[in-house]
Amino acid sequence: MFKKTLPTALVLITLLGAAPLIAACHTVAGAGEDISRTGDAIGNSAKKNTP
């Protein structure tokens, strides 16, 4: 019985954890823009902090 409930519980936890991220973007295009902006911010920070 435990072998069947563990994967189900893990899937449920994963979906519940991802729900706010998915809801914040509203679309796949929005998610792509968010990821792109994050990458740009990391790149800019790296340029500023490079000796």
N, C-alpha and C. Protein backbone atom coordinates (compact mmCIF):
# COMPACT_ATOMS: atom_id res chain seq x y z
N MET A 1 0.82 -1.19 0.00
CA MET A 1 0.00 0.00 0.00
C MET A 1 0.87 1.26 0.00
N PHE A 2 1.93 1.30 0.78
CA PHE A 2 2.80 2.47 0.87
C PHE A 2 3.49 2.75 -0.46
N LYS A 3 3.80 1.69 -1.23
CA LYS A 3 4.49 1.87 -2.50
C LYS A 3 3.63 2.61 -3.52
N LYS A 4 2.31 2.53 -3.40
CA LYS A 4 1.44 3.23 -4.33
C LYS A 4 1.15 4.65 -3.88
N THR A 5 1.10 4.88 -2.60
CA THR A 5 0.75 6.22 -2.11
C THR A 5 1.91 7.20 -2.16
N LEU A 6 3.14 6.72 -2.05
CA LEU A 6 4.30 7.62 -2.07
C LEU A 6 4.43 8.36 -3.41
N PRO A 7 4.38 7.67 -4.56
CA PRO A 7 4.47 8.42 -5.82
C PRO A 7 3.31 9.40 -6.01
N THR A 8 2.13 9.00 -5.58
CA THR A 8 0.98 9.89 -5.69
C THR A 8 1.18 11.13 -4.83
N ALA A 9 1.69 10.95 -3.64
CA ALA A 9 1.95 12.08 -2.75
C ALA A 9 3.02 13.00 -3.34
N LEU A 10 4.05 12.43 -3.93
CA LEU A 10 5.12 13.25 -4.53
C LEU A 10 4.60 14.06 -5.71
N VAL A 11 3.76 13.47 -6.53
CA VAL A 11 3.17 14.19 -7.66
C VAL A 11 2.29 15.32 -7.16
N LEU A 12 1.49 15.05 -6.15
CA LEU A 12 0.61 16.07 -5.59
C LEU A 12 1.41 17.23 -5.01
N ILE A 13 2.46 16.94 -4.29
CA ILE A 13 3.31 17.99 -3.70
C ILE A 13 3.97 18.81 -4.80
N THR A 14 4.44 18.15 -5.85
CA THR A 14 5.07 18.85 -6.97
C THR A 14 4.08 19.78 -7.67
N LEU A 15 2.89 19.29 -7.92
CA LEU A 15 1.88 20.12 -8.59
C LEU A 15 1.47 21.31 -7.72
N LEU A 16 1.31 21.08 -6.44
CA LEU A 16 0.94 22.18 -5.55
C LEU A 16 2.06 23.21 -5.46
N GLY A 17 3.31 22.75 -5.49
CA GLY A 17 4.44 23.67 -5.44
C GLY A 17 4.59 24.47 -6.72
N ALA A 18 4.23 23.88 -7.85
CA ALA A 18 4.38 24.56 -9.14
C ALA A 18 3.20 25.48 -9.44
N ALA A 19 2.08 25.29 -8.80
CA ALA A 19 0.88 26.08 -9.10
C ALA A 19 1.10 27.59 -9.01
N PRO A 20 1.73 28.11 -7.96
CA PRO A 20 1.93 29.57 -7.92
C PRO A 20 2.83 30.07 -9.05
N LEU A 21 3.81 29.28 -9.44
CA LEU A 21 4.69 29.69 -10.54
C LEU A 21 3.94 29.74 -11.85
N ILE A 22 3.10 28.75 -12.07
CA ILE A 22 2.33 28.70 -13.31
C ILE A 22 1.29 29.81 -13.33
N ALA A 23 0.63 30.03 -12.22
CA ALA A 23 -0.41 31.05 -12.15
C ALA A 23 0.16 32.45 -12.32
N ALA A 24 1.39 32.67 -11.91
CA ALA A 24 1.99 33.99 -12.00
C ALA A 24 2.29 34.38 -13.44
N CYS A 25 2.52 33.44 -14.29
CA CYS A 25 2.90 33.74 -15.67
C CYS A 25 1.70 33.86 -16.60
N HIS A 26 0.67 33.11 -16.38
CA HIS A 26 -0.57 33.09 -17.16
C HIS A 26 -0.42 32.46 -18.53
N THR A 27 0.74 32.52 -19.13
CA THR A 27 0.94 31.92 -20.45
C THR A 27 2.35 31.36 -20.54
N VAL A 28 2.54 30.51 -21.54
CA VAL A 28 3.88 29.98 -21.78
C VAL A 28 4.82 31.10 -22.23
N ALA A 29 4.30 32.03 -23.02
CA ALA A 29 5.12 33.17 -23.46
C ALA A 29 5.55 34.01 -22.28
N GLY A 30 4.65 34.19 -21.34
CA GLY A 30 4.99 34.95 -20.13
C GLY A 30 6.07 34.25 -19.33
N ALA A 31 5.99 32.94 -19.27
CA ALA A 31 7.02 32.18 -18.56
C ALA A 31 8.37 32.34 -19.25
N GLY A 32 8.37 32.32 -20.58
CA GLY A 32 9.62 32.51 -21.32
C GLY A 32 10.22 33.88 -21.08
N GLU A 33 9.37 34.90 -21.02
CA GLU A 33 9.86 36.25 -20.74
C GLU A 33 10.44 36.35 -19.34
N ASP A 34 9.77 35.73 -18.38
CA ASP A 34 10.26 35.75 -17.00
C ASP A 34 11.63 35.08 -16.90
N ILE A 35 11.78 33.95 -17.57
CA ILE A 35 13.05 33.22 -17.54
C ILE A 35 14.13 34.05 -18.23
N SER A 36 13.78 34.68 -19.33
CA SER A 36 14.74 35.51 -20.06
C SER A 36 15.21 36.69 -19.21
N ARG A 37 14.28 37.35 -18.54
CA ARG A 37 14.64 38.48 -17.68
C ARG A 37 15.53 38.03 -16.52
N THR A 38 15.25 36.86 -15.99
CA THR A 38 16.09 36.33 -14.91
C THR A 38 17.51 36.10 -15.41
N GLY A 39 17.62 35.52 -16.60
CA GLY A 39 18.94 35.29 -17.19
C GLY A 39 19.68 36.60 -17.45
N ASP A 40 18.95 37.61 -17.93
CA ASP A 40 19.57 38.91 -18.17
C ASP A 40 20.07 39.53 -16.86
N ALA A 41 19.27 39.41 -15.81
CA ALA A 41 19.66 39.97 -14.51
C ALA A 41 20.92 39.28 -13.98
N ILE A 42 20.99 37.97 -14.15
CA ILE A 42 22.18 37.23 -13.69
C ILE A 42 23.40 37.66 -14.51
N GLY A 43 23.22 37.79 -15.83
CA GLY A 43 24.32 38.22 -16.68
C GLY A 43 24.81 39.61 -16.34
N ASN A 44 23.90 40.52 -16.10
CA ASN A 44 24.28 41.89 -15.74
C ASN A 44 25.01 41.92 -14.40
N SER A 45 24.55 41.13 -13.46
CA SER A 45 25.20 41.07 -12.16
C SER A 45 26.61 40.51 -12.28
N ALA A 46 26.76 39.51 -13.13
CA ALA A 46 28.09 38.93 -13.33
C ALA A 46 29.04 39.94 -13.95
N LYS A 47 28.54 40.74 -14.90
CA LYS A 47 29.39 41.76 -15.54
C LYS A 47 29.83 42.82 -14.53
N LYS A 48 28.89 43.23 -13.66
CA LYS A 48 29.21 44.24 -12.66
C LYS A 48 30.24 43.76 -11.66
N ASN A 49 30.20 42.48 -11.33
CA ASN A 49 31.05 41.95 -10.27
C ASN A 49 32.30 41.25 -10.77
N THR A 50 32.57 41.33 -12.06
CA THR A 50 33.79 40.75 -12.61
C THR A 50 34.94 41.72 -12.40
N PRO A 51 36.02 41.24 -11.79
CA PRO A 51 37.16 42.17 -11.54
C PRO A 51 37.86 42.60 -12.81
